[in-house]
C-alpha atoms as a PDB file:
ATOM      1  CA  MET A   1     -32.425  19.181   4.876  1.00  0.00           C
ATOM      2  CA  ASP A   2     -33.108  15.947   2.989  1.00  0.00           C
ATOM      3  CA  LEU A   3     -29.409  15.679   2.090  1.00  0.00           C
ATOM      4  CA  LEU A   4     -28.404  16.067   5.741  1.00  0.00           C
ATOM      5  CA  LEU A   5     -30.992  13.481   6.811  1.00  0.00           C
ATOM      6  CA  ASP A   6     -29.748  11.058   4.155  1.00  0.00           C
ATOM      7  CA  PHE A   7     -26.157  11.536   5.371  1.00  0.00           C
ATOM      8  CA  LEU A   8     -27.119  10.898   8.998  1.00  0.00           C
ATOM      9  CA  THR A   9     -29.129   7.821   8.024  1.00  0.00           C
ATOM     10  CA  ARG A  10     -26.210   6.359   6.092  1.00  0.00           C
ATOM     11  CA  PHE A  11     -23.825   7.241   8.913  1.00  0.00           C
ATOM     12  CA  VAL A  12     -25.945   5.432  11.513  1.00  0.00           C
ATOM     13  CA  THR A  13     -26.372   2.483   9.141  1.00  0.00           C
ATOM     14  CA  GLN A  14     -22.593   2.040   9.059  1.00  0.00           C
ATOM     15  CA  PHE A  15     -22.620   1.447  12.803  1.00  0.00           C
ATOM     16  CA  GLN A  16     -25.224  -1.279  12.304  1.00  0.00           C
ATOM     17  CA  SER A  17     -23.093  -3.199   9.810  1.00  0.00           C
ATOM     18  CA  PRO A  18     -21.900  -6.584  11.153  1.00  0.00           C
ATOM     19  CA  SER A  19     -18.199  -5.825  10.700  1.00  0.00           C
ATOM     20  CA  LEU A  20     -18.307  -2.547  12.597  1.00  0.00           C
ATOM     21  CA  ALA A  21     -20.735  -3.935  15.194  1.00  0.00           C
ATOM     22  CA  PHE A  22     -18.310  -6.734  16.139  1.00  0.00           C
ATOM     23  CA  LEU A  23     -15.417  -4.271  16.218  1.00  0.00           C
ATOM     24  CA  ILE A  24     -17.333  -2.016  18.618  1.00  0.00           C
ATOM     25  CA  GLY A  25     -18.444  -5.067  20.607  1.00  0.00           C
ATOM     26  CA  GLY A  26     -14.822  -6.082  21.112  1.00  0.00           C
ATOM     27  CA  MET A  27     -13.945  -2.600  22.339  1.00  0.00           C
ATOM     28  CA  VAL A  28     -16.925  -2.565  24.730  1.00  0.00           C
ATOM     29  CA  ILE A  29     -16.147  -5.894  26.395  1.00  0.00           C
ATOM     30  CA  ALA A  30     -12.489  -4.890  26.714  1.00  0.00           C
ATOM     31  CA  ALA A  31     -13.576  -1.620  28.352  1.00  0.00           C
ATOM     32  CA  LEU A  32     -15.735  -3.600  30.787  1.00  0.00           C
ATOM     33  CA  GLY A  33     -12.706  -5.629  31.843  1.00  0.00           C
ATOM     34  CA  SER A  34     -13.789  -8.909  30.254  1.00  0.00           C
ATOM     35  CA  LYS A  35     -11.317 -11.783  30.528  1.00  0.00           C
ATOM     36  CA  LEU A  36     -12.383 -13.158  27.131  1.00  0.00           C
ATOM     37  CA  GLU A  37      -9.414 -14.420  25.124  1.00  0.00           C
ATOM     38  CA  ILE A  38      -9.439 -15.832  21.598  1.00  0.00           C
ATOM     39  CA  PRO A  39      -6.418 -18.062  20.891  1.00  0.00           C
ATOM     40  CA  ASP A  40      -3.874 -16.664  18.481  1.00  0.00           C
ATOM     41  CA  ALA A  41      -4.163 -19.821  16.357  1.00  0.00           C
ATOM     42  CA  ILE A  42      -7.825 -19.012  15.672  1.00  0.00           C
ATOM     43  CA  TYR A  43      -6.902 -15.461  14.702  1.00  0.00           C
ATOM     44  CA  LYS A  44      -4.246 -16.689  12.259  1.00  0.00           C
ATOM     45  CA  PHE A  45      -6.651 -19.238  10.739  1.00  0.00           C
ATOM     46  CA  ALA A  46      -9.356 -16.578  10.293  1.00  0.00           C
ATOM     47  CA  VAL A  47      -6.893 -14.217   8.580  1.00  0.00           C
ATOM     48  CA  PHE A  48      -5.705 -16.985   6.260  1.00  0.00           C
ATOM     49  CA  MET A  49      -9.251 -17.952   5.279  1.00  0.00           C
ATOM     50  CA  LEU A  50     -10.360 -14.370   4.652  1.00  0.00           C
ATOM     51  CA  LEU A  51      -7.373 -13.438   2.521  1.00  0.00           C
ATOM     52  CA  MET A  52      -7.539 -16.684   0.531  1.00  0.00           C
ATOM     53  CA  ARG A  53     -11.212 -16.034  -0.168  1.00  0.00           C
ATOM     54  CA  ILE A  54     -10.536 -12.479  -1.339  1.00  0.00           C
ATOM     55  CA  GLY A  55      -7.616 -13.595  -3.495  1.00  0.00           C
ATOM     56  CA  ILE A  56      -9.485 -16.492  -5.133  1.00  0.00           C
ATOM     57  CA  ASP A  57     -12.510 -14.298  -5.850  1.00  0.00           C
ATOM     58  CA  GLY A  58     -10.337 -11.611  -7.433  1.00  0.00           C
ATOM     59  CA  GLY A  59      -8.398 -14.150  -9.490  1.00  0.00           C
ATOM     60  CA  MET A  60     -11.581 -15.742 -10.875  1.00  0.00           C
ATOM     61  CA  ALA A  61     -12.944 -12.332 -11.858  1.00  0.00           C
ATOM     62  CA  ILE A  62      -9.701 -11.404 -13.648  1.00  0.00           C
ATOM     63  CA  ARG A  63      -9.676 -14.779 -15.439  1.00  0.00           C
ATOM     64  CA  GLU A  64     -13.045 -14.005 -17.036  1.00  0.00           C
ATOM     65  CA  ALA A  65     -12.130 -10.446 -18.026  1.00  0.00           C
ATOM     66  CA  ASP A  66     -10.931  -9.088 -21.366  1.00  0.00           C
ATOM     67  CA  LEU A  67      -7.345  -8.327 -20.386  1.00  0.00           C
ATOM     68  CA  GLY A  68      -6.785  -5.893 -23.265  1.00  0.00           C
ATOM     69  CA  ASP A  69      -9.597  -3.598 -22.142  1.00  0.00           C
ATOM     70  CA  MET A  70      -8.604  -4.039 -18.524  1.00  0.00           C
ATOM     71  CA  LEU A  71      -4.914  -3.158 -18.883  1.00  0.00           C
ATOM     72  CA  LEU A  72      -4.984   0.654 -18.610  1.00  0.00           C
ATOM     73  CA  PRO A  73      -7.642   0.880 -15.852  1.00  0.00           C
ATOM     74  CA  ALA A  74      -5.734  -1.795 -13.894  1.00  0.00           C
ATOM     75  CA  ALA A  75      -2.500   0.190 -14.245  1.00  0.00           C
ATOM     76  CA  PHE A  76      -4.276   3.335 -13.064  1.00  0.00           C
ATOM     77  CA  ALA A  77      -5.762   1.413 -10.112  1.00  0.00           C
ATOM     78  CA  ALA A  78      -2.285   0.275  -9.027  1.00  0.00           C
ATOM     79  CA  LEU A  79      -0.921   3.792  -9.516  1.00  0.00           C
ATOM     80  CA  VAL A  80      -3.645   5.355  -7.374  1.00  0.00           C
ATOM     81  CA  GLY A  81      -3.156   2.791  -4.590  1.00  0.00           C
ATOM     82  CA  CYS A  82       0.571   3.548  -4.438  1.00  0.00           C
ATOM     83  CA  LEU A  83       0.060   7.297  -4.760  1.00  0.00           C
ATOM     84  CA  ILE A  84      -2.342   7.334  -1.798  1.00  0.00           C
ATOM     85  CA  VAL A  85       0.261   5.636   0.407  1.00  0.00           C
ATOM     86  CA  LEU A  86       3.054   7.971  -0.729  1.00  0.00           C
ATOM     87  CA  VAL A  87       0.937  11.070  -0.096  1.00  0.00           C
ATOM     88  CA  GLY A  88       0.008   9.756   3.349  1.00  0.00           C
ATOM     89  CA  ARG A  89       3.689   9.122   4.097  1.00  0.00           C
ATOM     90  CA  VAL A  90       4.610  12.784   3.495  1.00  0.00           C
ATOM     91  CA  THR A  91       1.475  14.289   5.085  1.00  0.00           C
ATOM     92  CA  LEU A  92      -0.219  12.370   7.904  1.00  0.00           C
ATOM     93  CA  ALA A  93       2.872  10.395   8.905  1.00  0.00           C
ATOM     94  CA  MET A  94       4.893  13.639   9.208  1.00  0.00           C
ATOM     95  CA  LEU A  95       2.467  15.520  11.446  1.00  0.00           C
ATOM     96  CA  PRO A  96       3.572  16.332  15.010  1.00  0.00           C
ATOM     97  CA  GLY A  97       2.660  13.653  17.519  1.00  0.00           C
ATOM     98  CA  VAL A  98       1.707  11.074  14.888  1.00  0.00           C
ATOM     99  CA  LYS A  99       3.859   7.935  15.070  1.00  0.00           C
ATOM    100  CA  THR A 100       5.336   7.413  11.620  1.00  0.00           C
ATOM    101  CA  GLU A 101       4.380   3.745  11.388  1.00  0.00           C
ATOM    102  CA  ASP A 102       0.804   4.586  12.491  1.00  0.00           C
ATOM    103  CA  GLY A 103       0.529   7.231   9.766  1.00  0.00           C
ATOM    104  CA  ILE A 104       1.903   4.866   7.121  1.00  0.00           C
ATOM    105  CA  ALA A 105      -0.464   2.078   8.199  1.00  0.00           C
ATOM    106  CA  THR A 106      -3.418   4.481   8.026  1.00  0.00           C
ATOM    107  CA  ALA A 107      -2.405   5.580   4.518  1.00  0.00           C
ATOM    108  CA  GLY A 108      -2.058   1.914   3.563  1.00  0.00           C
ATOM    109  CA  LEU A 109      -5.570   1.161   4.776  1.00  0.00           C
ATOM    110  CA  PHE A 110      -6.956   4.126   2.802  1.00  0.00           C
ATOM    111  CA  GLY A 111      -4.983   3.050  -0.265  1.00  0.00           C
ATOM    112  CA  ALA A 112      -6.520  -0.409  -0.044  1.00  0.00           C
ATOM    113  CA  VAL A 113     -10.144  -1.133  -0.955  1.00  0.00           C
ATOM    114  CA  SER A 114     -13.432  -1.669   0.877  1.00  0.00           C
ATOM    115  CA  ALA A 115     -15.543  -4.466  -0.609  1.00  0.00           C
ATOM    116  CA  SER A 116     -18.657  -3.161   1.160  1.00  0.00           C
ATOM    117  CA  THR A 117     -18.247   0.355  -0.277  1.00  0.00           C
ATOM    118  CA  LEU A 118     -17.715  -1.121  -3.750  1.00  0.00           C
ATOM    119  CA  ALA A 119     -20.854  -3.253  -3.386  1.00  0.00           C
ATOM    120  CA  ALA A 120     -22.887  -0.220  -2.272  1.00  0.00           C
ATOM    121  CA  ALA A 121     -21.718   1.768  -5.306  1.00  0.00           C
ATOM    122  CA  MET A 122     -22.594  -1.074  -7.701  1.00  0.00           C
ATOM    123  CA  VAL A 123     -26.125  -1.226  -6.302  1.00  0.00           C
ATOM    124  CA  MET A 124     -26.557   2.540  -6.690  1.00  0.00           C
ATOM    125  CA  LEU A 125     -25.225   2.516 -10.274  1.00  0.00           C
ATOM    126  CA  GLU A 126     -27.608  -0.275 -11.234  1.00  0.00           C
ATOM    127  CA  ALA A 127     -30.496   1.624  -9.640  1.00  0.00           C
ATOM    128  CA  ASP A 128     -29.592   4.690 -11.732  1.00  0.00           C
ATOM    129  CA  GLY A 129     -29.207   2.604 -14.905  1.00  0.00           C
ATOM    130  CA  ILE A 130     -25.497   3.440 -15.321  1.00  0.00           C
ATOM    131  CA  ALA A 131     -23.661   0.569 -17.038  1.00  0.00           C
ATOM    132  CA  TYR A 132     -20.113  -0.574 -16.333  1.00  0.00           C
ATOM    133  CA  GLU A 133     -17.848  -3.384 -17.516  1.00  0.00           C
ATOM    134  CA  ALA A 134     -18.348  -6.714 -15.695  1.00  0.00           C
ATOM    135  CA  TRP A 135     -14.628  -6.867 -14.875  1.00  0.00           C
ATOM    136  CA  VAL A 136     -14.446  -3.507 -13.082  1.00  0.00           C
ATOM    137  CA  PRO A 137     -14.907  -5.058  -9.593  1.00  0.00           C
ATOM    138  CA  ALA A 138     -11.820  -7.183 -10.399  1.00  0.00           C
ATOM    139  CA  LEU A 139      -9.732  -3.982 -10.234  1.00  0.00           C
ATOM    140  CA  TYR A 140      -9.968  -4.484  -6.465  1.00  0.00           C
ATOM    141  CA  PRO A 141      -6.671  -6.413  -6.033  1.00  0.00           C
ATOM    142  CA  PHE A 142      -4.803  -4.156  -8.483  1.00  0.00           C
ATOM    143  CA  MET A 143      -5.300  -1.238  -6.090  1.00  0.00           C
ATOM    144  CA  ASP A 144      -5.451  -3.202  -2.848  1.00  0.00           C
ATOM    145  CA  ILE A 145      -2.282  -5.299  -3.019  1.00  0.00           C
ATOM    146  CA  PRO A 146       0.177  -2.589  -4.216  1.00  0.00           C
ATOM    147  CA  ALA A 147      -1.071  -0.183  -1.539  1.00  0.00           C
ATOM    148  CA  LEU A 148      -0.682  -2.714   1.268  1.00  0.00           C
ATOM    149  CA  VAL A 149       2.722  -3.945   0.037  1.00  0.00           C
ATOM    150  CA  LEU A 150       4.037  -0.384  -0.321  1.00  0.00           C
ATOM    151  CA  ALA A 151       2.786   0.600   3.150  1.00  0.00           C
ATOM    152  CA  ILE A 152       4.490  -2.425   4.730  1.00  0.00           C
ATOM    153  CA  VAL A 153       7.719  -1.750   2.822  1.00  0.00           C
ATOM    154  CA  LEU A 154       7.777   1.949   3.774  1.00  0.00           C
ATOM    155  CA  ALA A 155       7.103   1.184   7.437  1.00  0.00           C
ATOM    156  CA  ASP A 156       9.758  -1.549   7.503  1.00  0.00           C
ATOM    157  CA  LEU A 157      12.235   0.750   5.759  1.00  0.00           C
ATOM    158  CA  TYR A 158      11.575   3.521   8.289  1.00  0.00           C
ATOM    159  CA  LEU A 159      11.877   1.212  11.307  1.00  0.00           C
ATOM    160  CA  LYS A 160      15.051  -0.472  10.066  1.00  0.00           C
ATOM    161  CA  LYS A 161      16.660   2.875   9.231  1.00  0.00           C
ATOM    162  CA  ARG A 162      15.739   4.305  12.616  1.00  0.00           C
ATOM    163  CA  LYS A 163      17.249   1.281  14.331  1.00  0.00           C
ATOM    164  CA  ALA A 164      20.425   1.288  12.227  1.00  0.00           C
ATOM    165  CA  GLY A 165      20.855   5.070  12.243  1.00  0.00           C
ATOM    166  CA  ALA A 166      19.785   7.884   9.945  1.00  0.00           C
ATOM    167  CA  ASP A 167      22.912   7.647   7.784  1.00  0.00           C
ATOM    168  CA  ALA A 168      22.819   3.871   7.403  1.00  0.00           C
ATOM    169  CA  LYS A 169      22.079   2.392   3.997  1.00  0.00           C
ATOM    170  CA  VAL A 170      19.085   0.092   3.926  1.00  0.00           C
ATOM    171  CA  ARG A 171      18.601  -2.286   0.998  1.00  0.00           C
ATOM    172  CA  ILE A 172      15.058  -2.074  -0.307  1.00  0.00           C
ATOM    173  CA  TRP A 173      14.714  -5.346  -2.226  1.00  0.00           C
ATOM    174  CA  PRO A 174      15.162  -7.588   0.857  1.00  0.00           C
ATOM    175  CA  ILE A 175      12.397  -5.594   2.549  1.00  0.00           C
ATOM    176  CA  VAL A 176      10.093  -6.009  -0.463  1.00  0.00           C
ATOM    177  CA  LYS A 177      10.894  -9.730  -0.581  1.00  0.00           C
ATOM    178  CA  GLU A 178      10.265 -10.123   3.149  1.00  0.00           C
ATOM    179  CA  SER A 179       6.946  -8.280   2.821  1.00  0.00           C
ATOM    180  CA  LEU A 180       5.780 -10.498  -0.045  1.00  0.00           C
ATOM    181  CA  GLN A 181       6.807 -13.597   1.920  1.00  0.00           C
ATOM    182  CA  GLY A 182       4.843 -12.490   4.968  1.00  0.00           C
ATOM    183  CA  SER A 183       1.931 -14.711   5.960  1.00  0.00           C
ATOM    184  CA  ALA A 184      -0.844 -12.241   5.105  1.00  0.00           C
ATOM    185  CA  LEU A 185       0.357 -11.154   1.671  1.00  0.00           C
ATOM    186  CA  SER A 186       1.408 -14.712   0.816  1.00  0.00           C
ATOM    187  CA  ALA A 187      -2.153 -15.919   1.433  1.00  0.00           C
ATOM    188  CA  LEU A 188      -3.637 -13.074  -0.618  1.00  0.00           C
ATOM    189  CA  LEU A 189      -1.266 -13.601  -3.550  1.00  0.00           C
ATOM    190  CA  LEU A 190      -1.690 -17.395  -3.416  1.00  0.00           C
ATOM    191  CA  GLY A 191      -5.457 -17.033  -3.578  1.00  0.00           C
ATOM    192  CA  LEU A 192      -5.139 -14.637  -6.498  1.00  0.00           C
ATOM    193  CA  ALA A 193      -2.923 -17.088  -8.403  1.00  0.00           C
ATOM    194  CA  LEU A 194      -5.233 -20.043  -7.709  1.00  0.00           C
ATOM    195  CA  GLY A 195      -8.301 -18.103  -8.832  1.00  0.00           C
ATOM    196  CA  LEU A 196      -6.541 -16.932 -11.977  1.00  0.00           C
ATOM    197  CA  LEU A 197      -4.746 -20.108 -13.053  1.00  0.00           C
ATOM    198  CA  THR A 198      -6.992 -22.933 -11.806  1.00  0.00           C
ATOM    199  CA  ARG A 199     -10.709 -23.706 -11.516  1.00  0.00           C
ATOM    200  CA  PRO A 200     -11.433 -23.433  -7.774  1.00  0.00           C
ATOM    201  CA  ASP A 201     -15.119 -22.552  -8.220  1.00  0.00           C
ATOM    202  CA  GLN A 202     -16.525 -25.520  -6.292  1.00  0.00           C
ATOM    203  CA  VAL A 203     -14.198 -25.259  -3.291  1.00  0.00           C
ATOM    204  CA  PHE A 204     -14.721 -21.479  -3.276  1.00  0.00           C
ATOM    205  CA  GLU A 205     -18.518 -21.754  -3.247  1.00  0.00           C
ATOM    206  CA  GLY A 206     -18.638 -24.739  -0.889  1.00  0.00           C
ATOM    207  CA  PHE A 207     -15.968 -23.776   1.645  1.00  0.00           C
ATOM    208  CA  TYR A 208     -14.354 -20.340   1.489  1.00  0.00           C
ATOM    209  CA  ASP A 209     -17.384 -18.187   0.649  1.00  0.00           C
ATOM    210  CA  PRO A 210     -19.862 -19.627   3.228  1.00  0.00           C
ATOM    211  CA  LEU A 211     -17.370 -19.160   6.093  1.00  0.00           C
ATOM    212  CA  PHE A 212     -16.384 -15.653   5.056  1.00  0.00           C
ATOM    213  CA  ARG A 213     -18.720 -13.458   7.119  1.00  0.00           C
ATOM    214  CA  GLY A 214     -18.514 -15.579  10.255  1.00  0.00           C
ATOM    215  CA  LEU A 215     -14.718 -15.557  10.281  1.00  0.00           C
ATOM    216  CA  LEU A 216     -14.734 -11.827   9.547  1.00  0.00           C
ATOM    217  CA  SER A 217     -16.882 -11.234  12.641  1.00  0.00           C
ATOM    218  CA  ILE A 218     -14.353 -13.120  14.812  1.00  0.00           C
ATOM    219  CA  LEU A 219     -11.502 -11.116  13.332  1.00  0.00           C
ATOM    220  CA  MET A 220     -13.205  -7.779  13.961  1.00  0.00           C
ATOM    221  CA  LEU A 221     -14.001  -8.811  17.549  1.00  0.00           C
ATOM    222  CA  ILE A 222     -10.323  -9.568  18.180  1.00  0.00           C
ATOM    223  CA  MET A 223      -9.242  -6.296  16.584  1.00  0.00           C
ATOM    224  CA  GLY A 224     -11.786  -4.354  18.630  1.00  0.00           C
ATOM    225  CA  MET A 225     -10.380  -5.766  21.885  1.00  0.00           C
ATOM    226  CA  GLU A 226      -6.841  -4.980  20.774  1.00  0.00           C
ATOM    227  CA  ALA A 227      -7.785  -1.488  19.606  1.00  0.00           C
ATOM    228  CA  TYR A 228      -9.245  -0.585  23.003  1.00  0.00           C
ATOM    229  CA  THR A 229      -6.033  -1.478  24.799  1.00  0.00           C
ATOM    230  CA  ARG A 230      -4.199   1.099  22.678  1.00  0.00           C
ATOM    231  CA  LEU A 231      -6.751   3.927  22.694  1.00  0.00           C
ATOM    232  CA  ASN A 232      -4.711   6.094  25.048  1.00  0.00           C
ATOM    233  CA  GLU A 233      -1.979   6.337  22.398  1.00  0.00           C
ATOM    234  CA  LEU A 234      -4.490   7.674  19.885  1.00  0.00           C
ATOM    235  CA  ARG A 235      -6.203  10.308  22.031  1.00  0.00           C
ATOM    236  CA  ARG A 236      -3.258  12.716  21.799  1.00  0.00           C
ATOM    237  CA  VAL A 237      -3.461  12.990  17.998  1.00  0.00           C
ATOM    238  CA  ALA A 238      -7.038  11.922  17.204  1.00  0.00           C
ATOM    239  CA  HIS A 239      -7.789  15.273  15.543  1.00  0.00           C
ATOM    240  CA  TRP A 240      -5.155  14.658  12.846  1.00  0.00           C
ATOM    241  CA  TYR A 241      -6.662  11.291  11.994  1.00  0.00           C
ATOM    242  CA  GLY A 242     -10.134  12.844  11.939  1.00  0.00           C
ATOM    243  CA  VAL A 243      -9.104  15.508   9.427  1.00  0.00           C
ATOM    244  CA  TYR A 244      -7.290  12.974   7.249  1.00  0.00           C
ATOM    245  CA  ALA A 245     -10.180  10.479   7.303  1.00  0.00           C
ATOM    246  CA  ALA A 246     -12.706  13.175   6.355  1.00  0.00           C
ATOM    247  CA  VAL A 247     -10.708  14.647   3.471  1.00  0.00           C
ATOM    248  CA  ALA A 248      -8.896  11.603   2.070  1.00  0.00           C
ATOM    249  CA  PRO A 249     -11.862   9.634   0.618  1.00  0.00           C
ATOM    250  CA  LEU A 250     -12.996  12.579  -1.505  1.00  0.00           C
ATOM    251  CA  ALA A 251      -9.492  13.685  -2.555  1.00  0.00           C
ATOM    252  CA  HIS A 252      -8.432  10.134  -3.474  1.00  0.00           C
ATOM    253  CA  GLY A 253     -11.651   9.526  -5.379  1.00  0.00           C
ATOM    254  CA  LEU A 254     -11.283  12.701  -7.416  1.00  0.00           C
ATOM    255  CA  ILE A 255      -7.718  11.738  -8.403  1.00  0.00           C
ATOM    256  CA  ALA A 256      -8.959   8.324  -9.570  1.00  0.00           C
ATOM    257  CA  PHE A 257     -11.883   9.914 -11.409  1.00  0.00           C
ATOM    258  CA  GLY A 258      -9.431  12.052 -13.383  1.00  0.00           C
ATOM    259  CA  LEU A 259      -7.307   9.031 -14.318  1.00  0.00           C
ATOM    260  CA  GLY A 260     -10.437   7.064 -15.178  1.00  0.00           C
ATOM    261  CA  TYR A 261     -11.495   9.864 -17.502  1.00  0.00           C
ATOM    262  CA  LEU A 262      -8.138   9.572 -19.290  1.00  0.00           C
ATOM    263  CA  ALA A 263      -8.776   5.830 -19.671  1.00  0.00           C
ATOM    264  CA  HIS A 264     -12.209   6.678 -21.075  1.00  0.00           C
ATOM    265  CA  LEU A 265     -10.659   8.918 -23.717  1.00  0.00           C
ATOM    266  CA  ALA A 266      -7.931   6.400 -24.551  1.00  0.00           C
ATOM    267  CA  THR A 267      -9.810   3.091 -24.512  1.00  0.00           C
ATOM    268  CA  GLY A 268     -13.523   3.832 -24.177  1.00  0.00           C
ATOM    269  CA  PHE A 269     -13.627   2.904 -20.484  1.00  0.00           C
ATOM    270  CA  SER A 270     -17.285   3.274 -19.527  1.00  0.00           C
ATOM    271  CA  PRO A 271     -18.651   6.152 -17.407  1.00  0.00           C
ATOM    272  CA  GLY A 272     -19.822   3.597 -14.859  1.00  0.00           C
ATOM    273  CA  GLY A 273     -16.313   2.151 -14.764  1.00  0.00           C
ATOM    274  CA  VAL A 274     -14.828   5.605 -14.155  1.00  0.00           C
ATOM    275  CA  ILE A 275     -17.241   6.144 -11.267  1.00  0.00           C
ATOM    276  CA  LEU A 276     -16.420   2.758  -9.727  1.00  0.00           C
ATOM    277  CA  LEU A 277     -12.680   3.430 -10.030  1.00  0.00           C
ATOM    278  CA  ALA A 278     -13.244   6.655  -8.060  1.00  0.00           C
ATOM    279  CA  VAL A 279     -15.267   4.750  -5.450  1.00  0.00           C
ATOM    280  CA  LEU A 280     -12.491   2.153  -5.107  1.00  0.00           C
ATOM    281  CA  ALA A 281      -9.938   4.907  -4.479  1.00  0.00           C
ATOM    282  CA  GLY A 282     -12.230   6.728  -2.055  1.00  0.00           C
ATOM    283  CA  SER A 283     -12.844   3.642   0.064  1.00  0.00           C
ATOM    284  CA  SER A 284     -10.657   2.264   2.846  1.00  0.00           C
ATOM    285  CA  SER A 285     -10.175  -1.446   3.422  1.00  0.00           C
ATOM    286  CA  ASP A 286     -12.466  -3.187   5.897  1.00  0.00           C
ATOM    287  CA  ILE A 287     -11.431  -6.783   5.158  1.00  0.00           C
ATOM    288  CA  SER A 288      -7.985  -7.412   3.669  1.00  0.00           C
ATOM    289  CA  GLY A 289      -6.288  -4.302   5.063  1.00  0.00           C
ATOM    290  CA  PRO A 290      -6.575  -4.647   8.865  1.00  0.00           C
ATOM    291  CA  PRO A 291      -5.198  -8.212   9.180  1.00  0.00           C
ATOM    292  CA  THR A 292      -2.532  -7.586   6.521  1.00  0.00           C
ATOM    293  CA  LEU A 293      -1.304  -4.434   8.255  1.00  0.00           C
ATOM    294  CA  ARG A 294      -1.487  -6.021  11.693  1.00  0.00           C
ATOM    295  CA  ALA A 295       0.765  -8.814  10.469  1.00  0.00           C
ATOM    296  CA  GLY A 296       3.014  -6.612   8.316  1.00  0.00           C
ATOM    297  CA  ILE A 297       3.384  -3.598  10.640  1.00  0.00           C
ATOM    298  CA  PRO A 298       2.926  -5.084  14.123  1.00  0.00           C
ATOM    299  CA  THR A 299       4.205  -1.921  15.867  1.00  0.00           C
ATOM    300  CA  ALA A 300       1.424   0.218  14.367  1.00  0.00           C
ATOM    301  CA  ASN A 301      -1.587   0.994  16.574  1.00  0.00           C
ATOM    302  CA  PRO A 302      -4.796  -0.588  15.184  1.00  0.00           C
ATOM    303  CA  SER A 303      -6.798   2.142  16.931  1.00  0.00           C
ATOM    304  CA  SER A 304      -5.302   4.681  14.543  1.00  0.00           C
ATOM    305  CA  TYR A 305      -5.856   3.044  11.186  1.00  0.00           C
ATOM    306  CA  ILE A 306      -9.031   1.083  12.013  1.00  0.00           C
ATOM    307  CA  GLY A 307     -10.544   3.953  13.987  1.00  0.00           C
ATOM    308  CA  ALA A 308      -9.891   6.511  11.251  1.00  0.00           C
ATOM    309  CA  SER A 309     -11.330   4.202   8.609  1.00  0.00           C
ATOM    310  CA  THR A 310     -14.423   2.783  10.308  1.00  0.00           C
ATOM    311  CA  SER A 311     -15.550   5.819  12.305  1.00  0.00           C
ATOM    312  CA  ILE A 312     -15.063   8.496   9.639  1.00  0.00           C
ATOM    313  CA  GLY A 313     -13.540   7.255   6.374  1.00  0.00           C
ATOM    314  CA  THR A 314     -16.140   4.643   5.437  1.00  0.00           C
ATOM    315  CA  PRO A 315     -19.216   6.780   6.291  1.00  0.00           C
ATOM    316  CA  VAL A 316     -17.736   9.685   4.278  1.00  0.00           C
ATOM    317  CA  ALA A 317     -16.920   7.395   1.336  1.00  0.00           C
ATOM    318  CA  ILE A 318     -20.438   5.927   1.228  1.00  0.00           C
ATOM    319  CA  ALA A 319     -22.626   8.837   2.313  1.00  0.00           C
ATOM    320  CA  ILE A 320     -20.797  11.609   0.435  1.00  0.00           C
ATOM    321  CA  GLY A 321     -18.299  10.013  -1.943  1.00  0.00           C
ATOM    322  CA  ILE A 322     -20.572   7.653  -3.888  1.00  0.00           C
ATOM    323  CA  PRO A 323     -23.331  10.255  -4.564  1.00  0.00           C
ATOM    324  CA  LEU A 324     -20.646  12.834  -5.393  1.00  0.00           C
ATOM    325  CA  PHE A 325     -18.860  10.634  -7.938  1.00  0.00           C
ATOM    326  CA  ILE A 326     -22.149   9.511  -9.526  1.00  0.00           C
ATOM    327  CA  ALA A 327     -23.297  13.117  -9.862  1.00  0.00           C
ATOM    328  CA  LEU A 328     -19.908  14.124 -11.283  1.00  0.00           C
ATOM    329  CA  GLY A 329     -20.090  11.259 -13.766  1.00  0.00           C
ATOM    330  CA  GLN A 330     -23.573  12.292 -14.871  1.00  0.00           C
ATOM    331  CA  ILE A 331     -22.343  15.846 -15.488  1.00  0.00           C
ATOM    332  CA  VAL A 332     -19.055  14.939 -17.217  1.00  0.00           C
ATOM    333  CA  PHE A 333     -20.485  12.171 -19.407  1.00  0.00           C
ATOM    334  CA  ASP A 334     -23.985  13.653 -19.800  1.00  0.00           C
ATOM    335  CA  ILE A 335     -25.721  10.441 -18.733  1.00  0.00           C
END
């Protein structure tokens, strides 16, 4: 009974989070027929600022890390991010009634990472006295960027092949290059490089970080309004997204836990680090993913990938996934 109550409490709490509240607010005012419009230039500026902030933060964290210890966990993080997208491509994206690009975008969002879920797991580990390496949160971009790039490439490959004909040959490298040169990924990669190779601490703390949550709220409001306009497309196949969003966080996390355990045996990767790697894999992006996918796969329905993530995926990842992976870590590592 207490476990069920805890789950319901965490579930309701997710709907009180600022990001989700603004997303729902955008859907509500769109449903009420509001004429509110936010200029596209503001949307593009907000996306740029958010992705630069995430990239710079990740780059600074990597710069301070011991790269030797970080190498294998980082490789496993990238592998898991790509694997999640590939599995989604041959499962969700192949189900009857699911638009292929919608399925790929959803897998891309679940392959990417939620900063809020990661933060929640770090707080819980510290409360339980479970230590982890200081650089583990910097694994974020190693999983996030490959998953998003791969999702965009797979969707672009599918759309180009469908347009040119099933038997047509499509060159992959130009698609990869075009994806990396896209506005969203360019901003994310630029921020990562600046954080890693320069000393942007003052401009980060004085400009990018203070504006972060406000700009995120504007972005989620815009995406909520857009999502509502495309809800009818989702209603036909909502059950498939519900099943995927409920199962994926736990399945992805368990895969990452297994790889993290191998890193523990090979390099001494801490139990707390293994747990956080599982949490990263079990989360679905709430910041970098939506704007990146909207820019990279514009034909995909935001209602599908945002709805699956925010309404089911994130609550499952936080309410069930984090306690599950902590308990599993305590059993496996006897801590």
